[in-house]
Amino acid sequence: MTREDNRSRPATDRVGTICRALRRAIIEQALEPGAKLPEDALGERFGVSRTIARHALGQLAAEGLVELRRNRIAVVATPSWQEARDAFDIRIELERLVVRQLAGRLTKTQIAELHA
């Protein structure tokens, strides 16, 4: 998509696009805690103005994924020990749920392969 095409989309769509991309990168740890997120670089990467990039960063800050600091500096949030532990516990429970749901659907051959 060209910069001109992107600018013709509504601002809310552009903010949403940036939020989804950054959220995914943060959750998948492609962006590490403390990584700087300069408005100008985001604007250039996504073909939007700094204002649109700033709105996206504000939305991610409201979700706790980004910290907004002085002088318009945004960084990937660093979770507290308890937040990291909570996320780990949630992941364990989700994995258990997936295993329980799949367990009833596996064939005997698939079960044998898992034990091998």
PDB file of N, CA and C in Angstrom:
ATOM      1  N   MET A   1       0.856  -1.176   0.000  1.00  0.00           N
ATOM      2  CA  MET A   1       0.000   0.000   0.000  1.00  0.00           C
ATOM      3  C   MET A   1       0.895   1.230   0.000  1.00  0.00           C
ATOM      4  N   THR A   2       0.606   2.163  -0.850  1.00  0.00           N
ATOM      5  CA  THR A   2       1.414   3.377  -0.928  1.00  0.00           C
ATOM      6  C   THR A   2       1.017   4.341   0.180  1.00  0.00           C
ATOM      7  N   ARG A   3       1.888   5.291   0.415  1.00  0.00           N
ATOM      8  CA  ARG A   3       1.608   6.292   1.443  1.00  0.00           C
ATOM      9  C   ARG A   3       0.326   7.053   1.118  1.00  0.00           C
ATOM     10  N   GLU A   4       0.115   7.356  -0.177  1.00  0.00           N
ATOM     11  CA  GLU A   4      -1.092   8.084  -0.578  1.00  0.00           C
ATOM     12  C   GLU A   4      -2.343   7.242  -0.321  1.00  0.00           C
ATOM     13  N   ASP A   5      -2.272   5.935  -0.645  1.00  0.00           N
ATOM     14  CA  ASP A   5      -3.407   5.043  -0.387  1.00  0.00           C
ATOM     15  C   ASP A   5      -3.719   4.998   1.100  1.00  0.00           C
ATOM     16  N   ASN A   6      -2.674   4.907   1.903  1.00  0.00           N
ATOM     17  CA  ASN A   6      -2.852   4.813   3.347  1.00  0.00           C
ATOM     18  C   ASN A   6      -3.460   6.093   3.907  1.00  0.00           C
ATOM     19  N   ARG A   7      -3.063   7.232   3.391  1.00  0.00           N
ATOM     20  CA  ARG A   7      -3.577   8.506   3.898  1.00  0.00           C
ATOM     21  C   ARG A   7      -5.048   8.698   3.557  1.00  0.00           C
ATOM     22  N   SER A   8      -5.538   8.002   2.543  1.00  0.00           N
ATOM     23  CA  SER A   8      -6.946   8.151   2.168  1.00  0.00           C
ATOM     24  C   SER A   8      -7.863   7.331   3.070  1.00  0.00           C
ATOM     25  N   ARG A   9      -7.312   6.411   3.839  1.00  0.00           N
ATOM     26  CA  ARG A   9      -8.116   5.620   4.766  1.00  0.00           C
ATOM     27  C   ARG A   9      -8.447   6.463   5.993  1.00  0.00           C
ATOM     28  N   PRO A  10      -9.586   6.181   6.642  1.00  0.00           N
ATOM     29  CA  PRO A  10      -9.934   6.933   7.856  1.00  0.00           C
ATOM     30  C   PRO A  10      -8.849   6.784   8.926  1.00  0.00           C
ATOM     31  N   ALA A  11      -8.683   7.825   9.724  1.00  0.00           N
ATOM     32  CA  ALA A  11      -7.650   7.822  10.765  1.00  0.00           C
ATOM     33  C   ALA A  11      -7.822   6.656  11.722  1.00  0.00           C
ATOM     34  N   THR A  12      -9.063   6.309  12.060  1.00  0.00           N
ATOM     35  CA  THR A  12      -9.276   5.200  12.997  1.00  0.00           C
ATOM     36  C   THR A  12      -8.765   3.886  12.422  1.00  0.00           C
ATOM     37  N   ASP A  13      -8.907   3.693  11.107  1.00  0.00           N
ATOM     38  CA  ASP A  13      -8.374   2.483  10.472  1.00  0.00           C
ATOM     39  C   ASP A  13      -6.853   2.452  10.556  1.00  0.00           C
ATOM     40  N   ARG A  14      -6.244   3.607  10.312  1.00  0.00           N
ATOM     41  CA  ARG A  14      -4.782   3.675  10.339  1.00  0.00           C
ATOM     42  C   ARG A  14      -4.252   3.458  11.750  1.00  0.00           C
ATOM     43  N   VAL A  15      -4.919   4.033  12.738  1.00  0.00           N
ATOM     44  CA  VAL A  15      -4.524   3.813  14.133  1.00  0.00           C
ATOM     45  C   VAL A  15      -4.660   2.334  14.467  1.00  0.00           C
ATOM     46  N   GLY A  16      -5.765   1.737  14.057  1.00  0.00           N
ATOM     47  CA  GLY A  16      -5.997   0.315  14.319  1.00  0.00           C
ATOM     48  C   GLY A  16      -4.944  -0.573  13.687  1.00  0.00           C
ATOM     49  N   THR A  17      -4.539  -0.242  12.474  1.00  0.00           N
ATOM     50  CA  THR A  17      -3.506  -1.021  11.780  1.00  0.00           C
ATOM     51  C   THR A  17      -2.196  -0.986  12.554  1.00  0.00           C
ATOM     52  N   ILE A  18      -1.806   0.197  12.998  1.00  0.00           N
ATOM     53  CA  ILE A  18      -0.561   0.340  13.762  1.00  0.00           C
ATOM     54  C   ILE A  18      -0.675  -0.405  15.085  1.00  0.00           C
ATOM     55  N   CYS A  19      -1.796  -0.250  15.767  1.00  0.00           N
ATOM     56  CA  CYS A  19      -1.987  -0.921  17.060  1.00  0.00           C
ATOM     57  C   CYS A  19      -1.892  -2.432  16.916  1.00  0.00           C
ATOM     58  N   ARG A  20      -2.561  -2.978  15.912  1.00  0.00           N
ATOM     59  CA  ARG A  20      -2.524  -4.433  15.719  1.00  0.00           C
ATOM     60  C   ARG A  20      -1.102  -4.921  15.456  1.00  0.00           C
ATOM     61  N   ALA A  21      -0.378  -4.205  14.604  1.00  0.00           N
ATOM     62  CA  ALA A  21       0.989  -4.612  14.267  1.00  0.00           C
ATOM     63  C   ALA A  21       1.909  -4.524  15.485  1.00  0.00           C
ATOM     64  N   LEU A  22       1.830  -3.426  16.220  1.00  0.00           N
ATOM     65  CA  LEU A  22       2.694  -3.268  17.395  1.00  0.00           C
ATOM     66  C   LEU A  22       2.292  -4.223  18.512  1.00  0.00           C
ATOM     67  N   ARG A  23       0.997  -4.401  18.719  1.00  0.00           N
ATOM     68  CA  ARG A  23       0.520  -5.321  19.757  1.00  0.00           C
ATOM     69  C   ARG A  23       1.073  -6.722  19.501  1.00  0.00           C
ATOM     70  N   ARG A  24       0.962  -7.155  18.257  1.00  0.00           N
ATOM     71  CA  ARG A  24       1.457  -8.489  17.903  1.00  0.00           C
ATOM     72  C   ARG A  24       2.970  -8.584  18.123  1.00  0.00           C
ATOM     73  N   ALA A  25       3.705  -7.568  17.689  1.00  0.00           N
ATOM     74  CA  ALA A  25       5.161  -7.572  17.851  1.00  0.00           C
ATOM     75  C   ALA A  25       5.556  -7.595  19.324  1.00  0.00           C
ATOM     76  N   ILE A  26       4.810  -6.897  20.162  1.00  0.00           N
ATOM     77  CA  ILE A  26       5.107  -6.878  21.596  1.00  0.00           C
ATOM     78  C   ILE A  26       4.783  -8.228  22.217  1.00  0.00           C
ATOM     79  N   ILE A  27       3.618  -8.762  21.920  1.00  0.00           N
ATOM     80  CA  ILE A  27       3.201 -10.039  22.503  1.00  0.00           C
ATOM     81  C   ILE A  27       4.123 -11.169  22.058  1.00  0.00           C
ATOM     82  N   GLU A  28       4.533 -11.145  20.800  1.00  0.00           N
ATOM     83  CA  GLU A  28       5.423 -12.185  20.280  1.00  0.00           C
ATOM     84  C   GLU A  28       6.887 -11.910  20.619  1.00  0.00           C
ATOM     85  N   GLN A  29       7.146 -10.852  21.354  1.00  0.00           N
ATOM     86  CA  GLN A  29       8.465 -10.442  21.822  1.00  0.00           C
ATOM     87  C   GLN A  29       9.433 -10.096  20.691  1.00  0.00           C
ATOM     88  N   ALA A  30       8.883  -9.690  19.547  1.00  0.00           N
ATOM     89  CA  ALA A  30       9.731  -9.154  18.482  1.00  0.00           C
ATOM     90  C   ALA A  30      10.228  -7.770  18.897  1.00  0.00           C
ATOM     91  N   LEU A  31       9.445  -7.098  19.741  1.00  0.00           N
ATOM     92  CA  LEU A  31       9.852  -5.837  20.366  1.00  0.00           C
ATOM     93  C   LEU A  31      10.024  -6.121  21.853  1.00  0.00           C
ATOM     94  N   GLU A  32      11.216  -5.939  22.348  1.00  0.00           N
ATOM     95  CA  GLU A  32      11.512  -6.251  23.745  1.00  0.00           C
ATOM     96  C   GLU A  32      11.120  -5.105  24.668  1.00  0.00           C
ATOM     97  N   PRO A  33      10.872  -5.414  25.944  1.00  0.00           N
ATOM     98  CA  PRO A  33      10.578  -4.355  26.913  1.00  0.00           C
ATOM     99  C   PRO A  33      11.683  -3.303  26.900  1.00  0.00           C
ATOM    100  N   GLY A  34      11.261  -2.052  26.903  1.00  0.00           N
ATOM    101  CA  GLY A  34      12.212  -0.946  26.891  1.00  0.00           C
ATOM    102  C   GLY A  34      12.583  -0.458  25.498  1.00  0.00           C
ATOM    103  N   ALA A  35      12.179  -1.197  24.461  1.00  0.00           N
ATOM    104  CA  ALA A  35      12.496  -0.774  23.088  1.00  0.00           C
ATOM    105  C   ALA A  35      11.794   0.545  22.784  1.00  0.00           C
ATOM    106  N   LYS A  36      12.536   1.489  22.202  1.00  0.00           N
ATOM    107  CA  LYS A  36      11.960   2.792  21.863  1.00  0.00           C
ATOM    108  C   LYS A  36      11.061   2.667  20.641  1.00  0.00           C
ATOM    109  N   LEU A  37       9.988   3.453  20.655  1.00  0.00           N
ATOM    110  CA  LEU A  37       9.022   3.486  19.561  1.00  0.00           C
ATOM    111  C   LEU A  37       8.863   4.933  19.094  1.00  0.00           C
ATOM    112  N   PRO A  38       9.809   5.440  18.299  1.00  0.00           N
ATOM    113  CA  PRO A  38       9.743   6.838  17.864  1.00  0.00           C
ATOM    114  C   PRO A  38       8.554   7.096  16.936  1.00  0.00           C
ATOM    115  N   GLU A  39       7.833   8.161  17.218  1.00  0.00           N
ATOM    116  CA  GLU A  39       6.659   8.520  16.410  1.00  0.00           C
ATOM    117  C   GLU A  39       7.023   8.697  14.943  1.00  0.00           C
ATOM    118  N   ASP A  40       8.139   9.380  14.683  1.00  0.00           N
ATOM    119  CA  ASP A  40       8.500   9.643  13.289  1.00  0.00           C
ATOM    120  C   ASP A  40       8.823   8.355  12.541  1.00  0.00           C
ATOM    121  N   ALA A  41       9.511   7.424  13.194  1.00  0.00           N
ATOM    122  CA  ALA A  41       9.844   6.151  12.548  1.00  0.00           C
ATOM    123  C   ALA A  41       8.586   5.321  12.296  1.00  0.00           C
ATOM    124  N   LEU A  42       7.666   5.329  13.256  1.00  0.00           N
ATOM    125  CA  LEU A  42       6.406   4.599  13.068  1.00  0.00           C
ATOM    126  C   LEU A  42       5.597   5.216  11.938  1.00  0.00           C
ATOM    127  N   GLY A  43       5.557   6.540  11.912  1.00  0.00           N
ATOM    128  CA  GLY A  43       4.837   7.223  10.847  1.00  0.00           C
ATOM    129  C   GLY A  43       5.388   6.865   9.480  1.00  0.00           C
ATOM    130  N   GLU A  44       6.701   6.847   9.379  1.00  0.00           N
ATOM    131  CA  GLU A  44       7.333   6.507   8.104  1.00  0.00           C
ATOM    132  C   GLU A  44       7.065   5.048   7.733  1.00  0.00           C
ATOM    133  N   ARG A  45       7.201   4.160   8.702  1.00  0.00           N
ATOM    134  CA  ARG A  45       7.005   2.730   8.438  1.00  0.00           C
ATOM    135  C   ARG A  45       5.590   2.419   7.978  1.00  0.00           C
ATOM    136  N   PHE A  46       4.604   3.067   8.591  1.00  0.00           N
ATOM    137  CA  PHE A  46       3.203   2.784   8.278  1.00  0.00           C
ATOM    138  C   PHE A  46       2.595   3.786   7.299  1.00  0.00           C
ATOM    139  N   GLY A  47       3.385   4.750   6.865  1.00  0.00           N
ATOM    140  CA  GLY A  47       2.894   5.723   5.895  1.00  0.00           C
ATOM    141  C   GLY A  47       1.824   6.637   6.456  1.00  0.00           C
ATOM    142  N   VAL A  48       2.027   7.063   7.710  1.00  0.00           N
ATOM    143  CA  VAL A  48       1.053   7.935   8.369  1.00  0.00           C
ATOM    144  C   VAL A  48       1.779   9.121   8.991  1.00  0.00           C
ATOM    145  N   SER A  49       1.007  10.090   9.450  1.00  0.00           N
ATOM    146  CA  SER A  49       1.591  11.247  10.126  1.00  0.00           C
ATOM    147  C   SER A  49       2.013  10.862  11.540  1.00  0.00           C
ATOM    148  N   ARG A  50       2.847  11.707  12.124  1.00  0.00           N
ATOM    149  CA  ARG A  50       3.251  11.488  13.518  1.00  0.00           C
ATOM    150  C   ARG A  50       2.041  11.548  14.440  1.00  0.00           C
ATOM    151  N   THR A  51       1.059  12.359  14.090  1.00  0.00           N
ATOM    152  CA  THR A  51      -0.150  12.475  14.913  1.00  0.00           C
ATOM    153  C   THR A  51      -0.880  11.143  14.986  1.00  0.00           C
ATOM    154  N   ILE A  52      -1.018  10.472  13.854  1.00  0.00           N
ATOM    155  CA  ILE A  52      -1.677   9.161  13.828  1.00  0.00           C
ATOM    156  C   ILE A  52      -0.855   8.164  14.645  1.00  0.00           C
ATOM    157  N   ALA A  53       0.465   8.177  14.466  1.00  0.00           N
ATOM    158  CA  ALA A  53       1.339   7.283  15.231  1.00  0.00           C
ATOM    159  C   ALA A  53       1.203   7.559  16.726  1.00  0.00           C
ATOM    160  N   ARG A  54       1.116   8.835  17.102  1.00  0.00           N
ATOM    161  CA  ARG A  54       0.969   9.221  18.513  1.00  0.00           C
ATOM    162  C   ARG A  54      -0.341   8.682  19.090  1.00  0.00           C
ATOM    163  N   HIS A  55      -1.424   8.750  18.303  1.00  0.00           N
ATOM    164  CA  HIS A  55      -2.710   8.220  18.767  1.00  0.00           C
ATOM    165  C   HIS A  55      -2.624   6.711  18.997  1.00  0.00           C
ATOM    166  N   ALA A  56      -1.951   6.014  18.102  1.00  0.00           N
ATOM    167  CA  ALA A  56      -1.789   4.563  18.256  1.00  0.00           C
ATOM    168  C   ALA A  56      -0.992   4.247  19.517  1.00  0.00           C
ATOM    169  N   LEU A  57       0.075   4.991  19.753  1.00  0.00           N
ATOM    170  CA  LEU A  57       0.882   4.775  20.957  1.00  0.00           C
ATOM    171  C   LEU A  57       0.070   5.065  22.214  1.00  0.00           C
ATOM    172  N   GLY A  58      -0.777   6.089  22.159  1.00  0.00           N
ATOM    173  CA  GLY A  58      -1.642   6.398  23.299  1.00  0.00           C
ATOM    174  C   GLY A  58      -2.610   5.268  23.595  1.00  0.00           C
ATOM    175  N   GLN A  59      -3.141   4.668  22.542  1.00  0.00           N
ATOM    176  CA  GLN A  59      -4.061   3.545  22.731  1.00  0.00           C
ATOM    177  C   GLN A  59      -3.335   2.349  23.350  1.00  0.00           C
ATOM    178  N   LEU A  60      -2.137   2.071  22.870  1.00  0.00           N
ATOM    179  CA  LEU A  60      -1.360   0.965  23.428  1.00  0.00           C
ATOM    180  C   LEU A  60      -0.925   1.259  24.861  1.00  0.00           C
ATOM    181  N   ALA A  61      -0.696   2.526  25.173  1.00  0.00           N
ATOM    182  CA  ALA A  61      -0.368   2.905  26.552  1.00  0.00           C
ATOM    183  C   ALA A  61      -1.567   2.645  27.459  1.00  0.00           C
ATOM    184  N   ALA A  62      -2.772   2.930  26.969  1.00  0.00           N
ATOM    185  CA  ALA A  62      -3.985   2.676  27.754  1.00  0.00           C
ATOM    186  C   ALA A  62      -4.160   1.183  28.019  1.00  0.00           C
ATOM    187  N   GLU A  63      -3.644   0.350  27.122  1.00  0.00           N
ATOM    188  CA  GLU A  63      -3.710  -1.103  27.297  1.00  0.00           C
ATOM    189  C   GLU A  63      -2.572  -1.627  28.162  1.00  0.00           C
ATOM    190  N   GLY A  64      -1.616  -0.753  28.506  1.00  0.00           N
ATOM    191  CA  GLY A  64      -0.490  -1.160  29.339  1.00  0.00           C
ATOM    192  C   GLY A  64       0.664  -1.784  28.570  1.00  0.00           C
ATOM    193  N   LEU A  65       0.631  -1.725  27.249  1.00  0.00           N
ATOM    194  CA  LEU A  65       1.696  -2.328  26.443  1.00  0.00           C
ATOM    195  C   LEU A  65       2.839  -1.364  26.152  1.00  0.00           C
ATOM    196  N   VAL A  66       2.568  -0.076  26.270  1.00  0.00           N
ATOM    197  CA  VAL A  66       3.554   0.962  25.962  1.00  0.00           C
ATOM    198  C   VAL A  66       3.575   1.955  27.111  1.00  0.00           C
ATOM    199  N   GLU A  67       4.755   2.470  27.414  1.00  0.00           N
ATOM    200  CA  GLU A  67       4.898   3.530  28.413  1.00  0.00           C
ATOM    201  C   GLU A  67       5.213   4.826  27.675  1.00  0.00           C
ATOM    202  N   LEU A  68       4.464   5.873  27.997  1.00  0.00           N
ATOM    203  CA  LEU A  68       4.731   7.186  27.406  1.00  0.00           C
ATOM    204  C   LEU A  68       5.563   7.980  28.404  1.00  0.00           C
ATOM    205  N   ARG A  69       6.705   8.448  27.962  1.00  0.00           N
ATOM    206  CA  ARG A  69       7.616   9.189  28.833  1.00  0.00           C
ATOM    207  C   ARG A  69       7.693  10.639  28.388  1.00  0.00           C
ATOM    208  N   ARG A  70       8.486  11.407  29.093  1.00  0.00           N
ATOM    209  CA  ARG A  70       8.654  12.822  28.755  1.00  0.00           C
ATOM    210  C   ARG A  70       9.211  12.999  27.358  1.00  0.00           C
ATOM    211  N   ASN A  71       8.979  14.159  26.816  1.00  0.00           N
ATOM    212  CA  ASN A  71       9.492  14.536  25.494  1.00  0.00           C
ATOM    213  C   ASN A  71       9.006  13.599  24.386  1.00  0.00           C
ATOM    214  N   ARG A  72       7.778  13.129  24.535  1.00  0.00           N
ATOM    215  CA  ARG A  72       7.134  12.284  23.513  1.00  0.00           C
ATOM    216  C   ARG A  72       7.918  11.025  23.190  1.00  0.00           C
ATOM    217  N   ILE A  73       8.533  10.455  24.190  1.00  0.00           N
ATOM    218  CA  ILE A  73       9.248   9.197  23.996  1.00  0.00           C
ATOM    219  C   ILE A  73       8.332   8.069  24.456  1.00  0.00           C
ATOM    220  N   ALA A  74       8.151   7.086  23.587  1.00  0.00           N
ATOM    221  CA  ALA A  74       7.349   5.907  23.917  1.00  0.00           C
ATOM    222  C   ALA A  74       8.263   4.688  23.874  1.00  0.00           C
ATOM    223  N   VAL A  75       8.078   3.798  24.841  1.00  0.00           N
ATOM    224  CA  VAL A  75       8.853   2.555  24.882  1.00  0.00           C
ATOM    225  C   VAL A  75       7.909   1.399  25.177  1.00  0.00           C
ATOM    226  N   VAL A  76       8.337   0.208  24.775  1.00  0.00           N
ATOM    227  CA  VAL A  76       7.577  -0.990  25.109  1.00  0.00           C
ATOM    228  C   VAL A  76       7.616  -1.138  26.628  1.00  0.00           C
ATOM    229  N   ALA A  77       6.462  -1.364  27.223  1.00  0.00           N
ATOM    230  CA  ALA A  77       6.359  -1.462  28.681  1.00  0.00           C
ATOM    231  C   ALA A  77       7.139  -2.666  29.206  1.00  0.00           C
ATOM    232  N   THR A  78       7.689  -2.493  30.389  1.00  0.00           N
ATOM    233  CA  THR A  78       8.367  -3.578  31.085  1.00  0.00           C
ATOM    234  C   THR A  78       7.417  -4.087  32.157  1.00  0.00           C
ATOM    235  N   PRO A  79       6.939  -5.324  32.006  1.00  0.00           N
ATOM    236  CA  PRO A  79       5.982  -5.823  32.992  1.00  0.00           C
ATOM    237  C   PRO A  79       6.649  -6.042  34.347  1.00  0.00           C
ATOM    238  N   SER A  80       5.858  -5.865  35.385  1.00  0.00           N
ATOM    239  CA  SER A  80       6.360  -6.166  36.723  1.00  0.00           C
ATOM    240  C   SER A  80       6.506  -7.682  36.851  1.00  0.00           C
ATOM    241  N   TRP A  81       7.180  -8.114  37.901  1.00  0.00           N
ATOM    242  CA  TRP A  81       7.344  -9.548  38.130  1.00  0.00           C
ATOM    243  C   TRP A  81       5.981 -10.215  38.232  1.00  0.00           C
ATOM    244  N   GLN A  82       5.047  -9.588  38.933  1.00  0.00           N
ATOM    245  CA  GLN A  82       3.716 -10.175  39.111  1.00  0.00           C
ATOM    246  C   GLN A  82       2.955 -10.240  37.789  1.00  0.00           C
ATOM    247  N   GLU A  83       3.060  -9.202  36.968  1.00  0.00           N
ATOM    248  CA  GLU A  83       2.393  -9.218  35.658  1.00  0.00           C
ATOM    249  C   GLU A  83       2.955 -10.329  34.778  1.00  0.00           C
ATOM    250  N   ALA A  84       4.272 -10.497  34.808  1.00  0.00           N
ATOM    251  CA  ALA A  84       4.895 -11.563  34.023  1.00  0.00           C
ATOM    252  C   ALA A  84       4.440 -12.926  34.530  1.00  0.00           C
ATOM    253  N   ARG A  85       4.373 -13.073  35.838  1.00  0.00           N
ATOM    254  CA  ARG A  85       3.918 -14.340  36.431  1.00  0.00           C
ATOM    255  C   ARG A  85       2.466 -14.619  36.056  1.00  0.00           C
ATOM    256  N   ASP A  86       1.625 -13.594  36.114  1.00  0.00           N
ATOM    257  CA  ASP A  86       0.213 -13.759  35.739  1.00  0.00           C
ATOM    258  C   ASP A  86       0.083 -14.188  34.281  1.00  0.00           C
ATOM    259  N   ALA A  87       0.863 -13.575  33.404  1.00  0.00           N
ATOM    260  CA  ALA A  87       0.821 -13.931  31.983  1.00  0.00           C
ATOM    261  C   ALA A  87       1.269 -15.377  31.777  1.00  0.00           C
ATOM    262  N   PHE A  88       2.289 -15.782  32.514  1.00  0.00           N
ATOM    263  CA  PHE A  88       2.773 -17.162  32.429  1.00  0.00           C
ATOM    264  C   PHE A  88       1.698 -18.135  32.904  1.00  0.00           C
ATOM    265  N   ASP A  89       1.039 -17.813  34.017  1.00  0.00           N
ATOM    266  CA  ASP A  89      -0.032 -18.673  34.538  1.00  0.00           C
ATOM    267  C   ASP A  89      -1.184 -18.794  33.541  1.00  0.00           C
ATOM    268  N   ILE A  90      -1.534 -17.693  32.909  1.00  0.00           N
ATOM    269  CA  ILE A  90      -2.609 -17.715  31.908  1.00  0.00           C
ATOM    270  C   ILE A  90      -2.205 -18.598  30.733  1.00  0.00           C
ATOM    271  N   ARG A  91      -0.969 -18.474  30.310  1.00  0.00           N
ATOM    272  CA  ARG A  91      -0.501 -19.293  29.186  1.00  0.00           C
ATOM    273  C   ARG A  91      -0.567 -20.775  29.528  1.00  0.00           C
ATOM    274  N   ILE A  92      -0.164 -21.143  30.738  1.00  0.00           N
ATOM    275  CA  ILE A  92      -0.227 -22.549  31.158  1.00  0.00           C
ATOM    276  C   ILE A  92      -1.664 -23.053  31.105  1.00  0.00           C
ATOM    277  N   GLU A  93      -2.594 -22.264  31.625  1.00  0.00           N
ATOM    278  CA  GLU A  93      -4.002 -22.682  31.625  1.00  0.00           C
ATOM    279  C   GLU A  93      -4.548 -22.808  30.209  1.00  0.00           C
ATOM    280  N   LEU A  94      -4.176 -21.892  29.327  1.00  0.00           N
ATOM    281  CA  LEU A  94      -4.618 -21.981  27.932  1.00  0.00           C
ATOM    282  C   LEU A  94      -4.063 -23.232  27.256  1.00  0.00           C
ATOM    283  N   GLU A  95      -2.799 -23.540  27.520  1.00  0.00           N
ATOM    284  CA  GLU A  95      -2.208 -24.744  26.938  1.00  0.00           C
ATOM    285  C   GLU A  95      -2.903 -25.994  27.463  1.00  0.00           C
ATOM    286  N   ARG A  96      -3.236 -26.014  28.740  1.00  0.00           N
ATOM    287  CA  ARG A  96      -3.966 -27.164  29.299  1.00  0.00           C
ATOM    288  C   ARG A  96      -5.329 -27.318  28.635  1.00  0.00           C
ATOM    289  N   LEU A  97      -6.011 -26.211  28.418  1.00  0.00           N
ATOM    290  CA  LEU A  97      -7.317 -26.242  27.766  1.00  0.00           C
ATOM    291  C   LEU A  97      -7.205 -26.807  26.350  1.00  0.00           C
ATOM    292  N   VAL A  98      -6.200 -26.368  25.618  1.00  0.00           N
ATOM    293  CA  VAL A  98      -5.994 -26.869  24.254  1.00  0.00           C
ATOM    294  C   VAL A  98      -5.724 -28.367  24.276  1.00  0.00           C
ATOM    295  N   VAL A  99      -4.889 -28.810  25.193  1.00  0.00           N
ATOM    296  CA  VAL A  99      -4.577 -30.240  25.291  1.00  0.00           C
ATOM    297  C   VAL A  99      -5.834 -31.041  25.608  1.00  0.00           C
ATOM    298  N   ARG A 100      -6.648 -30.558  26.551  1.00  0.00           N
ATOM    299  CA  ARG A 100      -7.887 -31.273  26.897  1.00  0.00           C
ATOM    300  C   ARG A 100      -8.820 -31.360  25.699  1.00  0.00           C
ATOM    301  N   GLN A 101      -8.931 -30.272  24.947  1.00  0.00           N
ATOM    302  CA  GLN A 101      -9.829 -30.275  23.791  1.00  0.00           C
ATOM    303  C   GLN A 101      -9.318 -31.187  22.682  1.00  0.00           C
ATOM    304  N   LEU A 102      -8.021 -31.230  22.490  1.00  0.00           N
ATOM    305  CA  LEU A 102      -7.458 -32.077  21.441  1.00  0.00           C
ATOM    306  C   LEU A 102      -7.399 -33.541  21.850  1.00  0.00           C
ATOM    307  N   ALA A 103      -7.266 -33.793  23.135  1.00  0.00           N
ATOM    308  CA  ALA A 103      -7.101 -35.169  23.611  1.00  0.00           C
ATOM    309  C   ALA A 103      -8.239 -36.072  23.154  1.00  0.00           C
ATOM    310  N   GLY A 104      -9.445 -35.593  23.156  1.00  0.00           N
ATOM    311  CA  GLY A 104     -10.576 -36.409  22.740  1.00  0.00           C
ATOM    312  C   GLY A 104     -10.672 -36.601  21.242  1.00  0.00           C
ATOM    313  N   ARG A 105      -9.891 -35.882  20.485  1.00  0.00           N
ATOM    314  CA  ARG A 105      -9.965 -35.940  19.022  1.00  0.00           C
ATOM    315  C   ARG A 105      -8.814 -36.707  18.388  1.00  0.00           C
ATOM    316  N   LEU A 106      -7.824 -37.056  19.170  1.00  0.00           N
ATOM    317  CA  LEU A 106      -6.661 -37.735  18.614  1.00  0.00           C
ATOM    318  C   LEU A 106      -6.977 -39.197  18.314  1.00  0.00           C
ATOM    319  N   THR A 107      -6.410 -39.666  17.225  1.00  0.00           N
ATOM    320  CA  THR A 107      -6.546 -41.082  16.887  1.00  0.00           C
ATOM    321  C   THR A 107      -5.516 -41.875  17.685  1.00  0.00           C
ATOM    322  N   LYS A 108      -5.674 -43.198  17.705  1.00  0.00           N
ATOM    323  CA  LYS A 108      -4.708 -44.052  18.413  1.00  0.00           C
ATOM    324  C   LYS A 108      -3.316 -43.904  17.804  1.00  0.00           C
ATOM    325  N   THR A 109      -3.258 -43.736  16.500  1.00  0.00           N
ATOM    326  CA  THR A 109      -1.971 -43.552  15.820  1.00  0.00           C
ATOM    327  C   THR A 109      -1.303 -42.256  16.274  1.00  0.00           C
ATOM    328  N   GLN A 110      -2.075 -41.184  16.373  1.00  0.00           N
ATOM    329  CA  GLN A 110      -1.523 -39.902  16.813  1.00  0.00           C
ATOM    330  C   GLN A 110      -1.048 -39.977  18.261  1.00  0.00           C
ATOM    331  N   ILE A 111      -1.803 -40.676  19.096  1.00  0.00           N
ATOM    332  CA  ILE A 111      -1.402 -40.839  20.505  1.00  0.00           C
ATOM    333  C   ILE A 111      -0.102 -41.628  20.581  1.00  0.00           C
ATOM    334  N   ALA A 112       0.020 -42.679  19.786  1.00  0.00           N
ATOM    335  CA  ALA A 112       1.246 -43.481  19.771  1.00  0.00           C
ATOM    336  C   ALA A 112       2.437 -42.637  19.332  1.00  0.00           C
ATOM    337  N   GLU A 113       2.222 -41.752  18.355  1.00  0.00           N
ATOM    338  CA  GLU A 113       3.304 -40.874  17.897  1.00  0.00           C
ATOM    339  C   GLU A 113       3.748 -39.923  19.000  1.00  0.00           C
ATOM    340  N   LEU A 114       2.812 -39.463  19.806  1.00  0.00           N
ATOM    341  CA  LEU A 114       3.163 -38.569  20.912  1.00  0.00           C
ATOM    342  C   LEU A 114       3.994 -39.291  21.968  1.00  0.00           C
ATOM    343  N   HIS A 115       3.718 -40.560  22.176  1.00  0.00           N
ATOM    344  CA  HIS A 115       4.458 -41.337  23.178  1.00  0.00           C
ATOM    345  C   HIS A 115       5.825 -41.783  22.662  1.00  0.00           C
ATOM    346  N   ALA A 116       6.024 -41.749  21.357  1.00  0.00           N
ATOM    347  CA  ALA A 116       7.286 -42.236  20.763  1.00  0.00           C
ATOM    348  C   ALA A 116       8.428 -41.283  21.020  1.00  0.00           C
TER     349      ALA A 116
END
